Amino acid sequence: MESFEVSAQNRPEIVECFSMTGESDYILRVITRSIEDYELFLKKVLLHFPGVASVNSSFALKSAKITTHIPL
């Protein structure tokens, strides 16, 4: 897991990496210029990360809200 996290930290396309409970070990937020660029990133980079056995991808259609404000 540590090797995976180091690999994620070294890729500028990965802007967030969360260790998770449940079905997936990690959730990544990846930003690329296009779907084609994402496909290349997936095939040439992500699938070769240490410990990666499978990848499940979803794509945002639009942003309904983004904030860093925490109401404490």
PDB file of N, CA and C in Angstrom:
ATOM      1  N   MET A   1       0.824  -1.190   0.000  1.00  0.00           N
ATOM      2  CA  MET A   1       0.000   0.000   0.000  1.00  0.00           C
ATOM      3  C   MET A   1       0.871   1.257   0.000  1.00  0.00           C
ATOM      4  N   GLU A   2       1.962   1.202   0.734  1.00  0.00           N
ATOM      5  CA  GLU A   2       2.843   2.363   0.778  1.00  0.00           C
ATOM      6  C   GLU A   2       3.421   2.662  -0.607  1.00  0.00           C
ATOM      7  N   SER A   3       3.779   1.629  -1.345  1.00  0.00           N
ATOM      8  CA  SER A   3       4.315   1.814  -2.699  1.00  0.00           C
ATOM      9  C   SER A   3       3.279   2.456  -3.614  1.00  0.00           C
ATOM     10  N   PHE A   4       2.019   2.043  -3.479  1.00  0.00           N
ATOM     11  CA  PHE A   4       0.937   2.629  -4.263  1.00  0.00           C
ATOM     12  C   PHE A   4       0.813   4.111  -3.942  1.00  0.00           C
ATOM     13  N   GLU A   5       0.814   4.454  -2.663  1.00  0.00           N
ATOM     14  CA  GLU A   5       0.651   5.846  -2.250  1.00  0.00           C
ATOM     15  C   GLU A   5       1.802   6.722  -2.739  1.00  0.00           C
ATOM     16  N   VAL A   6       3.013   6.202  -2.690  1.00  0.00           N
ATOM     17  CA  VAL A   6       4.169   6.945  -3.197  1.00  0.00           C
ATOM     18  C   VAL A   6       4.012   7.160  -4.701  1.00  0.00           C
ATOM     19  N   SER A   7       3.585   6.131  -5.415  1.00  0.00           N
ATOM     20  CA  SER A   7       3.362   6.257  -6.860  1.00  0.00           C
ATOM     21  C   SER A   7       2.318   7.325  -7.148  1.00  0.00           C
ATOM     22  N   ALA A   8       1.231   7.335  -6.375  1.00  0.00           N
ATOM     23  CA  ALA A   8       0.170   8.331  -6.569  1.00  0.00           C
ATOM     24  C   ALA A   8       0.680   9.746  -6.286  1.00  0.00           C
ATOM     25  N   GLN A   9       1.490   9.888  -5.260  1.00  0.00           N
ATOM     26  CA  GLN A   9       2.018  11.202  -4.906  1.00  0.00           C
ATOM     27  C   GLN A   9       2.937  11.755  -5.987  1.00  0.00           C
ATOM     28  N   ASN A  10       3.536  10.891  -6.778  1.00  0.00           N
ATOM     29  CA  ASN A  10       4.481  11.318  -7.806  1.00  0.00           C
ATOM     30  C   ASN A  10       3.855  11.592  -9.168  1.00  0.00           C
ATOM     31  N   ARG A  11       2.542  11.467  -9.287  1.00  0.00           N
ATOM     32  CA  ARG A  11       1.872  11.705 -10.565  1.00  0.00           C
ATOM     33  C   ARG A  11       1.041  12.982 -10.492  1.00  0.00           C
ATOM     34  N   PRO A  12       1.331  13.982 -11.326  1.00  0.00           N
ATOM     35  CA  PRO A  12       0.587  15.245 -11.277  1.00  0.00           C
ATOM     36  C   PRO A  12      -0.870  15.101 -11.702  1.00  0.00           C
ATOM     37  N   GLU A  13      -1.206  14.073 -12.471  1.00  0.00           N
ATOM     38  CA  GLU A  13      -2.601  13.866 -12.893  1.00  0.00           C
ATOM     39  C   GLU A  13      -3.494  13.508 -11.708  1.00  0.00           C
ATOM     40  N   ILE A  14      -2.896  12.919 -10.674  1.00  0.00           N
ATOM     41  CA  ILE A  14      -3.661  12.521  -9.489  1.00  0.00           C
ATOM     42  C   ILE A  14      -3.652  13.688  -8.519  1.00  0.00           C
ATOM     43  N   VAL A  15      -4.813  14.318  -8.346  1.00  0.00           N
ATOM     44  CA  VAL A  15      -4.903  15.494  -7.475  1.00  0.00           C
ATOM     45  C   VAL A  15      -5.409  15.144  -6.079  1.00  0.00           C
ATOM     46  N   GLU A  16      -6.026  13.971  -5.925  1.00  0.00           N
ATOM     47  CA  GLU A  16      -6.463  13.493  -4.609  1.00  0.00           C
ATOM     48  C   GLU A  16      -6.367  11.976  -4.590  1.00  0.00           C
ATOM     49  N   CYS A  17      -5.972  11.440  -3.441  1.00  0.00           N
ATOM     50  CA  CYS A  17      -5.872   9.988  -3.261  1.00  0.00           C
ATOM     51  C   CYS A  17      -6.345   9.681  -1.844  1.00  0.00           C
ATOM     52  N   PHE A  18      -7.413   8.906  -1.739  1.00  0.00           N
ATOM     53  CA  PHE A  18      -7.990   8.574  -0.441  1.00  0.00           C
ATOM     54  C   PHE A  18      -7.923   7.071  -0.201  1.00  0.00           C
ATOM     55  N   SER A  19      -7.383   6.662   0.930  1.00  0.00           N
ATOM     56  CA  SER A  19      -7.456   5.275   1.367  1.00  0.00           C
ATOM     57  C   SER A  19      -8.866   5.055   1.902  1.00  0.00           C
ATOM     58  N   MET A  20      -9.513   3.969   1.481  1.00  0.00           N
ATOM     59  CA  MET A  20     -10.930   3.791   1.767  1.00  0.00           C
ATOM     60  C   MET A  20     -11.212   2.510   2.552  1.00  0.00           C
ATOM     61  N   THR A  21     -12.370   2.493   3.183  1.00  0.00           N
ATOM     62  CA  THR A  21     -12.927   1.250   3.705  1.00  0.00           C
ATOM     63  C   THR A  21     -13.895   0.734   2.646  1.00  0.00           C
ATOM     64  N   GLY A  22     -14.317  -0.512   2.781  1.00  0.00           N
ATOM     65  CA  GLY A  22     -15.311  -1.037   1.848  1.00  0.00           C
ATOM     66  C   GLY A  22     -14.689  -1.748   0.662  1.00  0.00           C
ATOM     67  N   GLU A  23     -15.389  -1.707  -0.464  1.00  0.00           N
ATOM     68  CA  GLU A  23     -15.035  -2.492  -1.641  1.00  0.00           C
ATOM     69  C   GLU A  23     -13.734  -2.056  -2.310  1.00  0.00           C
ATOM     70  N   SER A  24     -13.460  -0.762  -2.346  1.00  0.00           N
ATOM     71  CA  SER A  24     -12.244  -0.247  -2.990  1.00  0.00           C
ATOM     72  C   SER A  24     -11.212   0.125  -1.941  1.00  0.00           C
ATOM     73  N   ASP A  25      -9.951  -0.135  -2.248  1.00  0.00           N
ATOM     74  CA  ASP A  25      -8.873   0.244  -1.330  1.00  0.00           C
ATOM     75  C   ASP A  25      -8.582   1.738  -1.409  1.00  0.00           C
ATOM     76  N   TYR A  26      -8.679   2.290  -2.626  1.00  0.00           N
ATOM     77  CA  TYR A  26      -8.388   3.710  -2.840  1.00  0.00           C
ATOM     78  C   TYR A  26      -9.404   4.317  -3.792  1.00  0.00           C
ATOM     79  N   ILE A  27      -9.626   5.605  -3.620  1.00  0.00           N
ATOM     80  CA  ILE A  27     -10.341   6.412  -4.606  1.00  0.00           C
ATOM     81  C   ILE A  27      -9.401   7.539  -4.995  1.00  0.00           C
ATOM     82  N   LEU A  28      -9.230   7.711  -6.303  1.00  0.00           N
ATOM     83  CA  LEU A  28      -8.366   8.762  -6.831  1.00  0.00           C
ATOM     84  C   LEU A  28      -9.192   9.778  -7.586  1.00  0.00           C
ATOM     85  N   ARG A  29      -8.793  11.021  -7.477  1.00  0.00           N
ATOM     86  CA  ARG A  29      -9.341  12.062  -8.341  1.00  0.00           C
ATOM     87  C   ARG A  29      -8.239  12.391  -9.333  1.00  0.00           C
ATOM     88  N   VAL A  30      -8.525  12.154 -10.603  1.00  0.00           N
ATOM     89  CA  VAL A  30      -7.541  12.301 -11.673  1.00  0.00           C
ATOM     90  C   VAL A  30      -8.040  13.368 -12.635  1.00  0.00           C
ATOM     91  N   ILE A  31      -7.156  14.271 -13.030  1.00  0.00           N
ATOM     92  CA  ILE A  31      -7.522  15.302 -13.999  1.00  0.00           C
ATOM     93  C   ILE A  31      -6.626  15.158 -15.225  1.00  0.00           C
ATOM     94  N   THR A  32      -7.265  15.010 -16.385  1.00  0.00           N
ATOM     95  CA  THR A  32      -6.570  14.978 -17.665  1.00  0.00           C
ATOM     96  C   THR A  32      -7.296  15.917 -18.619  1.00  0.00           C
ATOM     97  N   ARG A  33      -6.661  16.234 -19.737  1.00  0.00           N
ATOM     98  CA  ARG A  33      -7.256  17.156 -20.710  1.00  0.00           C
ATOM     99  C   ARG A  33      -8.431  16.552 -21.459  1.00  0.00           C
ATOM    100  N   SER A  34      -8.468  15.234 -21.590  1.00  0.00           N
ATOM    101  CA  SER A  34      -9.518  14.590 -22.387  1.00  0.00           C
ATOM    102  C   SER A  34      -9.696  13.142 -21.938  1.00  0.00           C
ATOM    103  N   ILE A  35     -10.750  12.535 -22.421  1.00  0.00           N
ATOM    104  CA  ILE A  35     -10.991  11.119 -22.159  1.00  0.00           C
ATOM    105  C   ILE A  35      -9.862  10.289 -22.775  1.00  0.00           C
ATOM    106  N   GLU A  36      -9.403  10.700 -23.952  1.00  0.00           N
ATOM    107  CA  GLU A  36      -8.309   9.986 -24.614  1.00  0.00           C
ATOM    108  C   GLU A  36      -7.027  10.041 -23.774  1.00  0.00           C
ATOM    109  N   ASP A  37      -6.746  11.209 -23.180  1.00  0.00           N
ATOM    110  CA  ASP A  37      -5.580  11.329 -22.302  1.00  0.00           C
ATOM    111  C   ASP A  37      -5.746  10.466 -21.052  1.00  0.00           C
ATOM    112  N   TYR A  38      -6.973  10.392 -20.531  1.00  0.00           N
ATOM    113  CA  TYR A  38      -7.218   9.530 -19.376  1.00  0.00           C
ATOM    114  C   TYR A  38      -6.973   8.068 -19.740  1.00  0.00           C
ATOM    115  N   GLU A  39      -7.442   7.673 -20.908  1.00  0.00           N
ATOM    116  CA  GLU A  39      -7.246   6.290 -21.342  1.00  0.00           C
ATOM    117  C   GLU A  39      -5.756   5.948 -21.427  1.00  0.00           C
ATOM    118  N   LEU A  40      -4.951   6.860 -21.961  1.00  0.00           N
ATOM    119  CA  LEU A  40      -3.503   6.648 -22.011  1.00  0.00           C
ATOM    120  C   LEU A  40      -2.903   6.563 -20.612  1.00  0.00           C
ATOM    121  N   PHE A  41      -3.335   7.471 -19.714  1.00  0.00           N
ATOM    122  CA  PHE A  41      -2.865   7.455 -18.326  1.00  0.00           C
ATOM    123  C   PHE A  41      -3.215   6.124 -17.658  1.00  0.00           C
ATOM    124  N   LEU A  42      -4.426   5.664 -17.885  1.00  0.00           N
ATOM    125  CA  LEU A  42      -4.873   4.400 -17.301  1.00  0.00           C
ATOM    126  C   LEU A  42      -4.023   3.237 -17.808  1.00  0.00           C
ATOM    127  N   LYS A  43      -3.870   3.148 -19.133  1.00  0.00           N
ATOM    128  CA  LYS A  43      -3.164   2.012 -19.732  1.00  0.00           C
ATOM    129  C   LYS A  43      -1.657   2.036 -19.484  1.00  0.00           C
ATOM    130  N   LYS A  44      -1.056   3.216 -19.528  1.00  0.00           N
ATOM    131  CA  LYS A  44       0.400   3.300 -19.453  1.00  0.00           C
ATOM    132  C   LYS A  44       0.937   3.555 -18.047  1.00  0.00           C
ATOM    133  N   VAL A  45       0.071   4.060 -17.146  1.00  0.00           N
ATOM    134  CA  VAL A  45       0.551   4.436 -15.809  1.00  0.00           C
ATOM    135  C   VAL A  45      -0.202   3.687 -14.705  1.00  0.00           C
ATOM    136  N   LEU A  46      -1.473   3.992 -14.549  1.00  0.00           N
ATOM    137  CA  LEU A  46      -2.229   3.531 -13.386  1.00  0.00           C
ATOM    138  C   LEU A  46      -2.287   2.005 -13.271  1.00  0.00           C
ATOM    139  N   LEU A  47      -2.500   1.316 -14.374  1.00  0.00           N
ATOM    140  CA  LEU A  47      -2.581  -0.144 -14.312  1.00  0.00           C
ATOM    141  C   LEU A  47      -1.246  -0.800 -13.970  1.00  0.00           C
ATOM    142  N   HIS A  48      -0.178  -0.013 -13.981  1.00  0.00           N
ATOM    143  CA  HIS A  48       1.150  -0.534 -13.636  1.00  0.00           C
ATOM    144  C   HIS A  48       1.598  -0.125 -12.226  1.00  0.00           C
ATOM    145  N   PHE A  49       0.738   0.574 -11.483  1.00  0.00           N
ATOM    146  CA  PHE A  49       1.053   0.916 -10.100  1.00  0.00           C
ATOM    147  C   PHE A  49       1.191  -0.375  -9.290  1.00  0.00           C
ATOM    148  N   PRO A  50       2.028  -0.368  -8.252  1.00  0.00           N
ATOM    149  CA  PRO A  50       2.183  -1.554  -7.396  1.00  0.00           C
ATOM    150  C   PRO A  50       0.854  -1.957  -6.756  1.00  0.00           C
ATOM    151  N   GLY A  51       0.515  -3.232  -6.875  1.00  0.00           N
ATOM    152  CA  GLY A  51      -0.671  -3.768  -6.212  1.00  0.00           C
ATOM    153  C   GLY A  51      -1.987  -3.556  -6.929  1.00  0.00           C
ATOM    154  N   VAL A  52      -2.004  -2.906  -8.082  1.00  0.00           N
ATOM    155  CA  VAL A  52      -3.266  -2.652  -8.788  1.00  0.00           C
ATOM    156  C   VAL A  52      -3.703  -3.923  -9.511  1.00  0.00           C
ATOM    157  N   ALA A  53      -4.881  -4.427  -9.125  1.00  0.00           N
ATOM    158  CA  ALA A  53      -5.453  -5.611  -9.768  1.00  0.00           C
ATOM    159  C   ALA A  53      -6.610  -5.235 -10.681  1.00  0.00           C
ATOM    160  N   SER A  54      -7.313  -4.153 -10.340  1.00  0.00           N
ATOM    161  CA  SER A  54      -8.432  -3.702 -11.162  1.00  0.00           C
ATOM    162  C   SER A  54      -8.674  -2.213 -10.922  1.00  0.00           C
ATOM    163  N   VAL A  55      -9.333  -1.596 -11.893  1.00  0.00           N
ATOM    164  CA  VAL A  55      -9.662  -0.175 -11.826  1.00  0.00           C
ATOM    165  C   VAL A  55     -11.114  -0.008 -12.241  1.00  0.00           C
ATOM    166  N   ASN A  56     -11.842   0.824 -11.525  1.00  0.00           N
ATOM    167  CA  ASN A  56     -13.219   1.165 -11.862  1.00  0.00           C
ATOM    168  C   ASN A  56     -13.269   2.672 -12.029  1.00  0.00           C
ATOM    169  N   SER A  57     -13.609   3.151 -13.212  1.00  0.00           N
ATOM    170  CA  SER A  57     -13.596   4.590 -13.498  1.00  0.00           C
ATOM    171  C   SER A  57     -15.004   5.150 -13.624  1.00  0.00           C
ATOM    172  N   SER A  58     -15.179   6.361 -13.115  1.00  0.00           N
ATOM    173  CA  SER A  58     -16.407   7.136 -13.285  1.00  0.00           C
ATOM    174  C   SER A  58     -15.999   8.550 -13.653  1.00  0.00           C
ATOM    175  N   PHE A  59     -16.855   9.253 -14.383  1.00  0.00           N
ATOM    176  CA  PHE A  59     -16.535  10.596 -14.832  1.00  0.00           C
ATOM    177  C   PHE A  59     -17.618  11.573 -14.407  1.00  0.00           C
ATOM    178  N   ALA A  60     -17.195  12.740 -13.929  1.00  0.00           N
ATOM    179  CA  ALA A  60     -18.135  13.793 -13.546  1.00  0.00           C
ATOM    180  C   ALA A  60     -18.711  14.423 -14.805  1.00  0.00           C
ATOM    181  N   LEU A  61     -20.021  14.634 -14.817  1.00  0.00           N
ATOM    182  CA  LEU A  61     -20.668  15.305 -15.942  1.00  0.00           C
ATOM    183  C   LEU A  61     -20.651  16.809 -15.762  1.00  0.00           C
ATOM    184  N   LYS A  62     -20.795  17.250 -14.504  1.00  0.00           N
ATOM    185  CA  LYS A  62     -20.715  18.678 -14.199  1.00  0.00           C
ATOM    186  C   LYS A  62     -20.429  18.831 -12.719  1.00  0.00           C
ATOM    187  N   SER A  63     -20.021  20.014 -12.341  1.00  0.00           N
ATOM    188  CA  SER A  63     -19.778  20.325 -10.940  1.00  0.00           C
ATOM    189  C   SER A  63     -20.983  21.062 -10.385  1.00  0.00           C
ATOM    190  N   ALA A  64     -21.659  20.484  -9.413  1.00  0.00           N
ATOM    191  CA  ALA A  64     -22.799  21.131  -8.785  1.00  0.00           C
ATOM    192  C   ALA A  64     -22.359  22.003  -7.613  1.00  0.00           C
ATOM    193  N   LYS A  65     -21.243  21.632  -6.958  1.00  0.00           N
ATOM    194  CA  LYS A  65     -20.701  22.420  -5.860  1.00  0.00           C
ATOM    195  C   LYS A  65     -19.289  21.961  -5.552  1.00  0.00           C
ATOM    196  N   ILE A  66     -18.397  22.910  -5.389  1.00  0.00           N
ATOM    197  CA  ILE A  66     -17.034  22.651  -4.916  1.00  0.00           C
ATOM    198  C   ILE A  66     -16.727  23.700  -3.867  1.00  0.00           C
ATOM    199  N   THR A  67     -16.302  23.269  -2.696  1.00  0.00           N
ATOM    200  CA  THR A  67     -15.961  24.215  -1.639  1.00  0.00           C
ATOM    201  C   THR A  67     -14.858  23.625  -0.764  1.00  0.00           C
ATOM    202  N   THR A  68     -14.107  24.480  -0.151  1.00  0.00           N
ATOM    203  CA  THR A  68     -13.150  24.043   0.858  1.00  0.00           C
ATOM    204  C   THR A  68     -13.567  24.549   2.240  1.00  0.00           C
ATOM    205  N   HIS A  69     -14.689  25.260   2.299  1.00  0.00           N
ATOM    206  CA  HIS A  69     -15.217  25.777   3.560  1.00  0.00           C
ATOM    207  C   HIS A  69     -15.753  24.641   4.398  1.00  0.00           C
ATOM    208  N   ILE A  70     -15.341  24.578   5.662  1.00  0.00           N
ATOM    209  CA  ILE A  70     -15.830  23.565   6.598  1.00  0.00           C
ATOM    210  C   ILE A  70     -16.604  24.300   7.699  1.00  0.00           C
ATOM    211  N   PRO A  71     -17.900  24.044   7.813  1.00  0.00           N
ATOM    212  CA  PRO A  71     -18.751  24.773   8.770  1.00  0.00           C
ATOM    213  C   PRO A  71     -18.576  24.261  10.193  1.00  0.00           C
ATOM    214  N   LEU A  72     -17.501  24.691  10.853  1.00  0.00           N
ATOM    215  CA  LEU A  72     -17.276  24.271  12.242  1.00  0.00           C
ATOM    216  C   LEU A  72     -17.560  25.400  13.197  1.00  0.00           C
TER     217      LEU A  72
END
